[in-house]
Structure formats: structure tokens, C-alpha cells
């Protein structure tokens, strides 16, 4: 009898664990947990998502180069763009389940995966007039891997457009193609949507923000005003001198720049290790800048990347949020179940030190505060990003007796970072420098 009871209990435990796993997998990563800082929570709006395709005519295609002349083909470049937006709620409508694939370790085929969303496919926009946010993913990534960010921002009153850059990740010409195309794709899509969605009244084109991860981080810096170094390693890596006309002083350099950029967010931005910009190039950024990175990034390098960019962006009001001990995987959401059976596939998504839901909730908190402050001109958000102690663990809050355990820091005279819970603000640093001031 006892054996039967033990087997039954064991079976019930296994079923409950399996149910918990399924429930966790079915939760949209844009919805944050109980230990998330204050501004990470979803906003007041229902979220819709729709797909559009924009065609950039007669563009260089490095995947096809004439062996006789060495000249690449010119083709129309089709870019699928996923757009998330505040929408009218539809009773009974099922939220979207995103599906895509990313490259596995050769010779395995690309790994397919699904991510639960909370957006409603092709829902009717709610009729508001919102800021436009352009999102650029990392090399070999796909937009839905950043749905944790895109859905969350849309719920807070932003129209968020994420470009599918169609990287040739395992093609020998892939890196050069991505180097050339990232800022060009961003600038093209931003201008097209500023025009079309501006005319329809869905966005205010004068309030545009750029967000990029890794190669996308390089792209938004270039599209946000950082000028490419004509003698730098990144420009010279593109064959045929094709990137040179877009570099500093080049005849086509203005083609990279997005107009009306009010703020730039770069997660683990690439390019520093290859000399993409140099100090003179990064100094071209005039918009407020938020850099988010791990200081143990072995992919693009923290010291020559995010940290150097912060020091060099002397004409920008800029911030650097660092996940101490964190690596490169700061831009993608939690690994879907299908990506957890192979280390290569899981490492696209997961950090080896930081719990991913924790990492993205902290990022959402700071991105929200930053965009609300500099794109929506909400001065109340300054308290969440300005005047904080540099090392999060140095913050203190002697909360009055009876303060709920889950209460968040009120800021002000309390040095625990505003919006964070006690014992949940460790392992982070935030440095800030005004334009034309010396970095901390």
C-alpha cells in the first residue's frame, strides 16, 4: 500500500512539474515576474502585431559576385518588418504564437522554435498617435526573439517595428553583408515608416527611437549619428570598398542617418573590436544614448565596445548599464523549449550567469524609463535613471517597520535604486554623463 502511495505521489509530482514547465513555456516573456523592478511591468494598452514587407530597390547583394569582374549583383532587397502597436482589445481573440528558426551548429539544420506572445495578430490600432521605435536584431537572429521587448513597449504606448535583416549567417560573405546592410536597412525602414505611418496618424515621426542588439547595436549607432571610420577595420572588411562611401566624409554618409531620432538604445553593440567608428565617429551621436551590456562579453568585447562607446560619446547625454559578470546574450529573450536541448542553440538566448527573466526585466525597467524620459518628455522618469549610486549593491533603504517585503524603493533620500525591491538590486552598475562632461 505504501509503495503504491509513493508511486502515486511521485507520479503526481512529475505531472505537476510537467504542468509547471508547460505553463512557464506558454507565458509571454514580455510579461514580467514578481521580482521585476517597477517600470518593467506591462503598460495599459492591448497589443496588436502585423507584418509588412518593404522593398529597397536596386541594392548591392554580396551573396552574388561576378567571378570575372568581382562586382556584386544589384537586386531589390525585400525586408519583412513586424510591427507591434497599441490596439483595440478583441474579446475572445487568441494571442499570437510566434514561429521562426535560427542557425544550429553545423552540420545540423536550422533549429525551429516557437515563442508565446500576448499580441493579437492584425488587431485594429486603437487610433492613438505614438512614438515610433525601430528595432534591429543581432547577427543571425530574428525579430521574434526580441518579442519580450517589442510587446512590452507597445503596451506602453509605442509603435515598435522590428526588421528581419535576413542575415547570411553561415555564408562566407555574411559578415560583410551585415556590416554594410545594418545601418542601411535601419535608415530605409525608419524613413519609410516615418512617412507611411506618419501620414496615417499612427505615429509621430518627430518622435523616433532606435534600439539594436549586437550587430543591430552597431547599426543603430551608425544610423543615430556615429560616423564610420574610413580607415577602420570594419569599413575595410567590406569588399570592393562598398562601405567606404558611407563612411565619414563619404558622399553617401548622410544616407545612413535617420531623421528625428530622440533616443538610442544599444544592447551589447558590435563594432568596437573592429574599429567601426573610432572616438571621432562616436562623438557624432547627439541624441541621448543608453548602452546595456555585460562586462564579460566574449563576442563583441565590453571594453572596446559598450564601455568605449560610453566614454567616446562626448556630445550625448548617455548612460551605461552593466550586468556584472554577464556575457553577450543580453538582447534575446528566454530560450524556447526547442532551443534548450542543444548548447549552441541555448547559448543564442541564455546567459551563463544571469537568470534570463531577471536580466530582461531589469532591461525593460531602464529602457522604459529612458524612452519615456527622452522620447515622451516625461520628466518624472528622471528619478529612475539620474542621480543613482553607481554600484547597485551600494544602495540602502531602511524601510519603516511594516513595509511589505515586495515594496519597491521610493528613491529620493533612499539610495536603493528607485523602483527596485530590497535585496534585488545587486550585480549592476549604472554610469551617467551629460553631454560635454567627463565620464564617471
Protein backbone atom coordinates (compact mmCIF):
# COMPACT_ATOMS: atom_id res chain seq x y z
CA UNK A 1 0.00 0.00 0.00
CA UNK A 2 2.80 2.42 0.98
CA UNK A 3 4.64 1.56 -2.22
CA UNK A 4 1.53 2.33 -4.24
CA UNK A 5 1.08 5.60 -2.39
CA UNK A 6 4.71 6.55 -3.01
CA UNK A 7 4.39 5.76 -6.71
CA UNK A 8 1.16 7.76 -6.91
CA UNK A 9 2.74 10.71 -5.12
CA UNK A 10 5.77 10.51 -7.37
CA UNK A 11 3.55 10.44 -10.43
CA UNK A 12 1.53 13.43 -9.22
CA UNK A 13 4.74 15.34 -8.55
CA UNK A 14 6.02 14.57 -12.05
CA UNK A 15 2.73 15.71 -13.54
CA UNK A 16 2.77 18.94 -11.54
CA UNK A 17 6.35 19.66 -12.57
CA UNK A 18 5.46 18.98 -16.20
CA UNK A 19 2.45 21.27 -15.92
CA UNK A 20 4.60 23.99 -14.38
CA UNK A 21 7.11 23.64 -17.23
CA UNK A 22 4.35 23.90 -19.83
CA UNK A 23 2.85 26.92 -18.07
CA UNK A 24 6.23 28.66 -17.99
CA UNK A 25 6.83 27.88 -21.65
CA UNK A 26 3.38 29.26 -22.53
CA UNK A 27 3.94 32.57 -20.75
CA UNK A 28 4.83 35.51 -22.95
CA UNK A 29 8.32 36.75 -21.99
CA UNK A 30 7.08 40.34 -22.27
CA UNK A 31 5.12 39.74 -19.06
CA UNK A 32 7.49 40.11 -16.11
CA UNK A 33 7.61 38.36 -12.73
CA UNK A 34 7.18 39.36 -9.10
CA UNK A 35 10.82 40.37 -8.62
CA UNK A 36 10.89 42.72 -11.62
CA UNK A 37 11.69 46.38 -10.95
CA UNK A 38 8.78 48.78 -11.15
CA UNK A 39 8.80 50.00 -14.75
CA UNK A 40 9.23 46.53 -16.28
CA UNK A 41 5.53 45.72 -15.91
CA UNK A 42 3.27 45.76 -18.95
CA UNK A 43 1.54 49.02 -19.75
CA UNK A 44 -2.12 49.91 -20.11
CA UNK A 45 -2.62 49.09 -23.80
CA UNK A 46 -3.68 45.91 -25.54
CA UNK A 47 -1.10 44.96 -28.18
CA UNK A 48 -1.54 44.15 -31.85
CA UNK A 49 1.03 42.83 -34.30
CA UNK A 50 1.09 42.85 -38.09
CA UNK A 51 3.64 42.08 -40.78
CA UNK A 52 4.59 44.30 -43.68
CA UNK A 53 7.20 43.92 -46.42
CA UNK A 54 9.21 46.91 -47.58
CA UNK A 55 11.28 46.77 -50.76
CA UNK A 56 14.52 48.72 -51.07
CA UNK A 57 15.14 48.95 -54.80
CA UNK A 58 18.41 48.19 -56.56
CA UNK A 59 20.68 47.34 -53.64
CA UNK A 60 24.09 45.65 -53.54
CA UNK A 61 23.90 41.89 -52.86
CA UNK A 62 27.22 40.50 -51.65
CA UNK A 63 25.94 36.93 -51.87
CA UNK A 64 26.31 37.08 -55.67
CA UNK A 65 29.59 38.46 -57.02
CA UNK A 66 30.61 38.10 -60.66
CA UNK A 67 33.76 35.89 -60.64
CA UNK A 68 35.13 37.67 -63.71
CA UNK A 69 34.68 41.28 -62.63
CA UNK A 70 34.40 40.93 -58.85
CA UNK A 71 31.32 43.17 -58.98
CA UNK A 72 28.35 42.17 -56.79
CA UNK A 73 24.86 41.91 -58.20
CA UNK A 74 22.27 44.64 -57.70
CA UNK A 75 18.89 43.39 -56.51
CA UNK A 76 15.73 44.64 -54.88
CA UNK A 77 16.04 43.97 -51.15
CA UNK A 78 12.81 42.78 -49.51
CA UNK A 79 12.61 43.33 -45.78
CA UNK A 80 9.88 41.82 -43.65
CA UNK A 81 9.03 44.07 -40.72
CA UNK A 82 7.00 43.03 -37.69
CA UNK A 83 5.07 45.96 -36.21
CA UNK A 84 3.71 45.91 -32.66
CA UNK A 85 1.30 48.69 -31.64
CA UNK A 86 -1.36 49.72 -29.11
CA UNK A 87 -4.54 48.05 -30.27
CA UNK A 88 -8.22 47.75 -29.55
CA UNK A 89 -8.86 44.72 -27.38
CA UNK A 90 -10.85 41.94 -29.02
CA UNK A 91 -12.82 39.70 -26.67
CA UNK A 92 -12.04 36.03 -27.14
CA UNK A 93 -9.19 36.55 -29.62
CA UNK A 94 -6.26 34.18 -29.17
CA UNK A 95 -2.81 35.73 -28.67
CA UNK A 96 -0.19 35.02 -31.28
CA UNK A 97 2.35 32.21 -31.13
CA UNK A 98 5.49 33.30 -32.97
CA UNK A 99 7.41 30.78 -35.06
CA UNK A 100 10.83 31.06 -36.67
CA UNK A 101 14.25 29.38 -36.84
CA UNK A 102 17.91 30.19 -36.22
CA UNK A 103 21.10 28.54 -37.37
CA UNK A 104 22.25 25.49 -35.43
CA UNK A 105 25.82 24.31 -35.09
CA UNK A 106 26.87 22.93 -38.50
CA UNK A 107 26.09 20.50 -40.00
CA UNK A 108 22.73 20.48 -38.22
CA UNK A 109 19.84 22.25 -39.99
CA UNK A 110 18.36 25.48 -38.59
CA UNK A 111 16.51 24.97 -35.32
CA UNK A 112 12.82 25.83 -35.38
CA UNK A 113 11.20 27.27 -32.28
CA UNK A 114 8.02 28.91 -31.02
CA UNK A 115 7.50 31.77 -28.57
CA UNK A 116 4.21 32.54 -26.90
CA UNK A 117 3.10 36.13 -27.38
CA UNK A 118 0.39 38.28 -25.88
CA UNK A 119 -0.24 40.37 -29.02
CA UNK A 120 -3.28 39.88 -31.24
CA UNK A 121 -2.46 39.29 -34.90
CA UNK A 122 -3.76 42.09 -37.18
CA UNK A 123 -5.77 43.71 -34.39
CA UNK A 124 -7.17 47.15 -35.15
CA UNK A 125 -4.92 50.02 -33.96
CA UNK A 126 -6.50 51.99 -31.14
CA UNK A 127 -6.29 55.27 -33.04
CA UNK A 128 -3.55 56.87 -30.95
CA UNK A 129 -0.61 58.92 -32.19
CA UNK A 130 2.52 57.29 -30.78
CA UNK A 131 6.30 57.49 -30.97
CA UNK A 132 8.00 55.14 -33.43
CA UNK A 133 10.66 52.68 -32.26
CA UNK A 134 12.84 50.84 -34.80
CA UNK A 135 14.40 47.57 -33.56
CA UNK A 136 17.37 45.82 -35.18
CA UNK A 137 18.30 42.29 -34.11
CA UNK A 138 21.75 40.73 -33.83
CA UNK A 139 23.70 38.83 -36.48
CA UNK A 140 21.87 35.60 -37.29
CA UNK A 141 18.93 36.47 -35.02
CA UNK A 142 15.25 37.04 -35.84
CA UNK A 143 12.80 39.70 -34.59
CA UNK A 144 10.55 37.40 -32.56
CA UNK A 145 13.50 36.56 -30.31
CA UNK A 146 13.12 40.14 -29.04
CA UNK A 147 9.34 39.98 -28.52
CA UNK A 148 10.00 40.39 -24.78
CA UNK A 149 10.90 43.99 -25.62
CA UNK A 150 8.67 44.78 -28.58
CA UNK A 151 5.41 43.66 -26.98
CA UNK A 152 6.24 45.29 -23.69
CA UNK A 153 6.99 48.67 -25.27
CA UNK A 154 3.87 48.53 -27.43
CA UNK A 155 1.78 48.02 -24.29
CA UNK A 156 3.24 51.31 -23.02
CA UNK A 157 2.26 53.45 -25.97
CA UNK A 158 4.93 52.94 -28.62
CA UNK A 159 4.69 51.63 -32.18
CA UNK A 160 7.59 49.20 -32.45
CA UNK A 161 8.90 48.00 -35.82
CA UNK A 162 11.44 45.15 -35.83
CA UNK A 163 13.30 44.43 -39.07
CA UNK A 164 14.08 40.90 -40.25
CA UNK A 165 17.51 41.52 -41.75
CA UNK A 166 17.85 38.10 -43.43
CA UNK A 167 21.49 37.57 -42.47
CA UNK A 168 23.54 35.08 -44.45
CA UNK A 169 24.95 33.75 -41.17
CA UNK A 170 26.84 30.71 -42.48
CA UNK A 171 27.73 32.29 -45.82
CA UNK A 172 31.37 33.50 -46.08
CA UNK A 173 30.06 36.85 -47.30
CA UNK A 174 27.56 37.11 -44.47
CA UNK A 175 29.51 39.30 -42.06
CA UNK A 176 30.45 41.83 -44.74
CA UNK A 177 26.85 41.89 -45.98
CA UNK A 178 25.53 42.52 -42.46
CA UNK A 179 28.13 45.24 -41.86
CA UNK A 180 27.01 47.01 -45.00
CA UNK A 181 23.29 46.44 -44.64
CA UNK A 182 22.50 47.01 -40.95
CA UNK A 183 22.58 50.81 -40.93
CA UNK A 184 21.18 50.98 -44.48
CA UNK A 185 18.23 48.73 -43.56
CA UNK A 186 17.55 50.72 -40.39
CA UNK A 187 17.66 54.06 -42.18
CA UNK A 188 15.47 52.83 -45.04
CA UNK A 189 12.80 51.23 -42.82
CA UNK A 190 12.75 54.19 -40.43
CA UNK A 191 12.22 56.69 -43.23
CA UNK A 192 9.56 54.55 -44.89
CA UNK A 193 7.56 54.11 -41.68
CA UNK A 194 8.01 57.70 -40.57
CA UNK A 195 6.37 58.61 -43.86
CA UNK A 196 3.63 56.00 -44.20
CA UNK A 197 2.63 55.67 -40.54
CA UNK A 198 3.05 59.39 -40.06
CA UNK A 199 0.58 60.10 -42.85
CA UNK A 200 -1.90 57.61 -41.42
CA UNK A 201 -1.62 59.24 -38.00
CA UNK A 202 -0.46 56.07 -36.24
CA UNK A 203 2.95 57.50 -35.31
CA UNK A 204 4.50 60.86 -34.63
CA UNK A 205 7.54 60.76 -36.95
CA UNK A 206 9.18 63.58 -34.99
CA UNK A 207 9.49 61.21 -32.02
CA UNK A 208 11.60 58.27 -33.20
CA UNK A 209 13.85 55.96 -31.19
CA UNK A 210 16.33 53.31 -32.34
CA UNK A 211 17.06 50.07 -30.47
CA UNK A 212 19.60 47.48 -31.58
CA UNK A 213 21.33 44.38 -30.27
CA UNK A 214 24.87 43.32 -31.19
CA UNK A 215 25.17 43.86 -34.96
CA UNK A 216 21.91 45.76 -34.63
CA UNK A 217 23.57 47.84 -31.91
CA UNK A 218 26.30 48.78 -34.35
CA UNK A 219 23.57 49.57 -36.87
CA UNK A 220 21.59 51.93 -34.63
CA UNK A 221 24.73 53.77 -33.58
CA UNK A 222 25.58 54.38 -37.24
CA UNK A 223 22.00 55.31 -38.08
CA UNK A 224 21.85 57.52 -35.00
CA UNK A 225 24.77 59.75 -35.92
CA UNK A 226 28.00 57.85 -35.26
CA UNK A 227 30.17 58.18 -38.38
CA UNK A 228 32.10 55.21 -39.73
CA UNK A 229 35.90 55.44 -39.72
CA UNK A 230 37.00 55.31 -43.38
CA UNK A 231 40.31 53.72 -42.31
CA UNK A 232 38.76 51.45 -39.68
CA UNK A 233 38.77 47.69 -39.77
CA UNK A 234 35.04 47.36 -40.31
CA UNK A 235 34.94 49.55 -43.41
CA UNK A 236 37.94 47.81 -44.93
CA UNK A 237 36.42 44.35 -44.34
CA UNK A 238 33.64 45.03 -46.84
CA UNK A 239 34.97 44.01 -50.28
CA UNK A 240 35.26 46.43 -53.15
CA UNK A 241 35.26 49.46 -50.88
CA UNK A 242 31.45 49.30 -50.88
CA UNK A 243 31.10 50.68 -47.35
CA UNK A 244 33.63 53.49 -47.86
CA UNK A 245 31.21 55.98 -49.50
CA UNK A 246 29.06 55.76 -46.37
CA UNK A 247 31.98 56.45 -44.01
CA UNK A 248 32.94 59.78 -42.50
CA UNK A 249 33.37 62.35 -45.26
CA UNK A 250 31.94 59.99 -47.88
CA UNK A 251 29.46 61.14 -50.50
CA UNK A 252 26.74 58.78 -49.20
CA UNK A 253 27.29 59.15 -45.44
CA UNK A 254 24.02 61.05 -44.97
CA UNK A 255 22.10 58.05 -46.33
CA UNK A 256 22.76 56.16 -43.09
CA UNK A 257 21.25 58.77 -40.78
CA UNK A 258 17.67 58.51 -39.50
CA UNK A 259 15.96 61.89 -39.01
CA UNK A 260 14.24 62.97 -35.79
CA UNK A 261 15.96 60.44 -33.51
CA UNK A 262 15.17 61.34 -29.93
CA UNK A 263 16.92 58.40 -28.23
CA UNK A 264 19.14 55.40 -28.98
CA UNK A 265 19.40 52.12 -27.05
CA UNK A 266 22.23 49.71 -27.90
CA UNK A 267 22.44 46.27 -26.30
CA UNK A 268 25.97 44.80 -26.46
CA UNK A 269 26.79 46.86 -29.56
CA UNK A 270 29.29 45.39 -32.02
CA UNK A 271 31.95 47.21 -33.98
CA UNK A 272 34.39 48.38 -31.32
CA UNK A 273 36.79 45.49 -31.74
CA UNK A 274 36.92 46.17 -35.50
CA UNK A 275 37.39 49.93 -35.26
CA UNK A 276 34.00 50.71 -36.76
CA UNK A 277 33.80 54.31 -35.61
CA UNK A 278 36.73 55.48 -33.52
CA UNK A 279 36.34 58.25 -30.94
CA UNK A 280 35.65 60.86 -33.62
CA UNK A 281 32.86 58.73 -35.05
CA UNK A 282 31.04 58.05 -31.78
CA UNK A 283 31.26 61.75 -30.96
CA UNK A 284 28.82 62.28 -33.83
CA UNK A 285 25.95 60.98 -31.68
CA UNK A 286 23.93 63.90 -30.34
CA UNK A 287 20.81 62.06 -29.15
CA UNK A 288 20.53 60.63 -25.63
CA UNK A 289 22.12 57.17 -25.56
CA UNK A 290 21.55 54.13 -23.34
CA UNK A 291 24.09 51.31 -23.59
CA UNK A 292 23.29 47.95 -21.95
CA UNK A 293 25.97 45.27 -21.75
CA UNK A 294 27.59 42.50 -19.75
CA UNK A 295 31.18 43.17 -18.73
CA UNK A 296 32.21 39.60 -19.64
CA UNK A 297 31.04 39.80 -23.24
CA UNK A 298 33.29 37.41 -25.17
CA UNK A 299 31.57 38.04 -28.50
CA UNK A 300 31.92 41.78 -29.16
CA UNK A 301 34.07 42.78 -26.15
CA UNK A 302 32.85 45.12 -23.42
CA UNK A 303 35.96 47.29 -23.09
CA UNK A 304 36.28 48.26 -26.75
CA UNK A 305 32.53 48.15 -27.24
CA UNK A 306 29.92 49.49 -24.81
CA UNK A 307 32.41 50.97 -22.33
CA UNK A 308 34.45 52.72 -25.01
CA UNK A 309 31.32 53.97 -26.75
CA UNK A 310 30.12 55.49 -23.47
CA UNK A 311 33.43 57.28 -22.96
CA UNK A 312 33.60 58.50 -26.57
CA UNK A 313 30.01 59.75 -26.96
CA UNK A 314 31.02 63.14 -25.59
CA UNK A 315 28.22 65.03 -27.32
CA UNK A 316 25.45 62.79 -25.98
CA UNK A 317 23.65 62.65 -22.66
CA UNK A 318 24.48 58.97 -22.12
CA UNK A 319 24.06 56.05 -19.75
CA UNK A 320 25.81 52.69 -19.42
CA UNK A 321 24.00 49.88 -17.60
CA UNK A 322 26.33 46.95 -16.94
CA UNK A 323 25.37 43.43 -15.86
CA UNK A 324 28.41 42.46 -13.83
CA UNK A 325 29.59 39.01 -14.87
CA UNK A 326 27.13 38.99 -17.77
CA UNK A 327 28.02 37.91 -21.29
CA UNK A 328 26.74 38.73 -24.76
CA UNK A 329 23.23 37.25 -24.65
CA UNK A 330 21.55 40.36 -23.24
CA UNK A 331 19.34 41.09 -26.23
CA UNK A 332 17.25 37.96 -26.74
CA UNK A 333 14.51 36.58 -24.53
CA UNK A 334 14.49 33.27 -22.64
CA UNK A 335 15.41 30.22 -24.70
CA UNK A 336 12.28 28.49 -26.03
CA UNK A 337 11.95 24.82 -25.03
CA UNK A 338 13.03 23.66 -28.51
CA UNK A 339 16.32 25.54 -28.10
CA UNK A 340 17.22 24.03 -24.73
CA UNK A 341 18.24 20.58 -25.94
CA UNK A 342 21.47 21.76 -27.58
CA UNK A 343 24.05 24.08 -26.01
CA UNK A 344 24.74 26.02 -29.23
CA UNK A 345 21.03 26.76 -29.65
CA UNK A 346 20.52 27.62 -25.99
CA UNK A 347 23.55 29.94 -26.00
CA UNK A 348 21.88 32.16 -28.58
CA UNK A 349 19.44 33.13 -25.81
CA UNK A 350 20.78 32.41 -22.35
CA UNK A 351 23.49 34.00 -20.22
CA UNK A 352 25.77 31.68 -18.27
CA UNK A 353 25.47 33.76 -15.07
CA UNK A 354 22.29 35.84 -15.11
CA UNK A 355 18.80 34.36 -14.92
CA UNK A 356 17.26 35.49 -18.20
CA UNK A 357 13.86 36.62 -16.93
CA UNK A 358 15.68 38.72 -14.36
CA UNK A 359 18.01 40.21 -16.95
CA UNK A 360 15.23 41.24 -19.31
CA UNK A 361 13.04 42.65 -16.54
CA UNK A 362 15.87 44.95 -15.45
CA UNK A 363 16.46 45.96 -19.07
CA UNK A 364 12.75 46.68 -19.55
CA UNK A 365 12.74 48.88 -16.46
CA UNK A 366 15.61 51.03 -17.70
CA UNK A 367 14.58 51.12 -21.36
CA UNK A 368 11.10 52.25 -20.31
CA UNK A 369 12.44 54.99 -18.04
CA UNK A 370 14.89 56.15 -20.72
CA UNK A 371 12.42 56.23 -23.63
CA UNK A 372 9.65 57.80 -21.56
CA UNK A 373 12.08 60.50 -20.42
CA UNK A 374 13.67 61.38 -23.74
CA UNK A 375 11.08 60.38 -26.35
CA UNK A 376 7.88 61.23 -24.45
CA UNK A 377 9.49 64.03 -22.40
CA UNK A 378 8.18 62.60 -19.14
CA UNK A 379 10.39 64.39 -16.60
CA UNK A 380 9.15 62.15 -13.76
CA UNK A 381 11.18 59.28 -15.22
CA UNK A 382 14.47 61.06 -14.42
CA UNK A 383 14.25 59.76 -10.86
CA UNK A 384 14.70 56.21 -12.17
CA UNK A 385 17.90 56.89 -14.12
CA UNK A 386 19.54 60.05 -12.80
CA UNK A 387 21.46 60.55 -9.58
CA UNK A 388 21.65 56.83 -8.71
CA UNK A 389 24.59 55.32 -6.86
CA UNK A 390 26.88 53.78 -9.46
CA UNK A 391 27.05 50.30 -7.92
CA UNK A 392 23.57 48.97 -7.30
CA UNK A 393 24.65 46.97 -4.27
CA UNK A 394 25.74 50.18 -2.53
CA UNK A 395 22.14 51.39 -2.35
CA UNK A 396 20.35 51.32 1.01
CA UNK A 397 16.79 51.51 2.24
CA UNK A 398 15.96 51.40 5.93
CA UNK A 399 12.32 50.71 5.24
CA UNK A 400 9.89 51.53 8.07
CA UNK A 401 8.55 48.68 10.15
CA UNK A 402 5.61 47.04 8.42
CA UNK A 403 6.74 47.89 4.88
CA UNK A 404 5.64 44.98 2.65
CA UNK A 405 8.51 42.73 1.61
CA UNK A 406 7.74 43.26 -2.07
CA UNK A 407 7.68 47.08 -1.77
CA UNK A 408 9.89 48.99 -4.18
CA UNK A 409 12.30 51.77 -3.35
CA UNK A 410 10.72 55.24 -3.46
CA UNK A 411 14.03 56.87 -4.42
CA UNK A 412 14.76 60.38 -3.22
CA UNK A 413 16.75 60.14 0.01
CA UNK A 414 16.64 56.34 -0.32
CA UNK A 415 19.78 55.24 -2.20
CA UNK A 416 18.46 51.82 -3.20
CA UNK A 417 17.78 52.28 -6.91
CA UNK A 418 14.27 53.68 -7.34
CA UNK A 419 11.76 51.03 -8.34
CA UNK A 420 13.87 48.09 -7.10
CA UNK A 421 13.00 45.76 -4.24
CA UNK A 422 15.23 45.14 -1.24
CA UNK A 423 17.91 42.52 -1.91
CA UNK A 424 17.06 42.63 -5.61
CA UNK A 425 19.43 45.36 -6.75
CA UNK A 426 22.77 43.62 -6.88
CA UNK A 427 25.32 42.84 -9.59
CA UNK A 428 24.64 46.01 -11.60
CA UNK A 429 26.29 49.33 -12.30
CA UNK A 430 24.91 52.45 -13.95
CA UNK A 431 27.11 55.33 -15.02
CA UNK A 432 25.80 58.57 -16.50
CA UNK A 433 27.46 61.52 -18.18
CA UNK A 434 25.89 64.65 -19.57
CA UNK A 435 26.89 65.91 -23.00
CA UNK A 436 30.25 67.71 -22.87
CA UNK A 437 31.04 66.30 -19.43
CA UNK A 438 33.68 63.91 -18.15
CA UNK A 439 32.52 60.27 -17.71
CA UNK A 440 32.44 58.86 -14.18
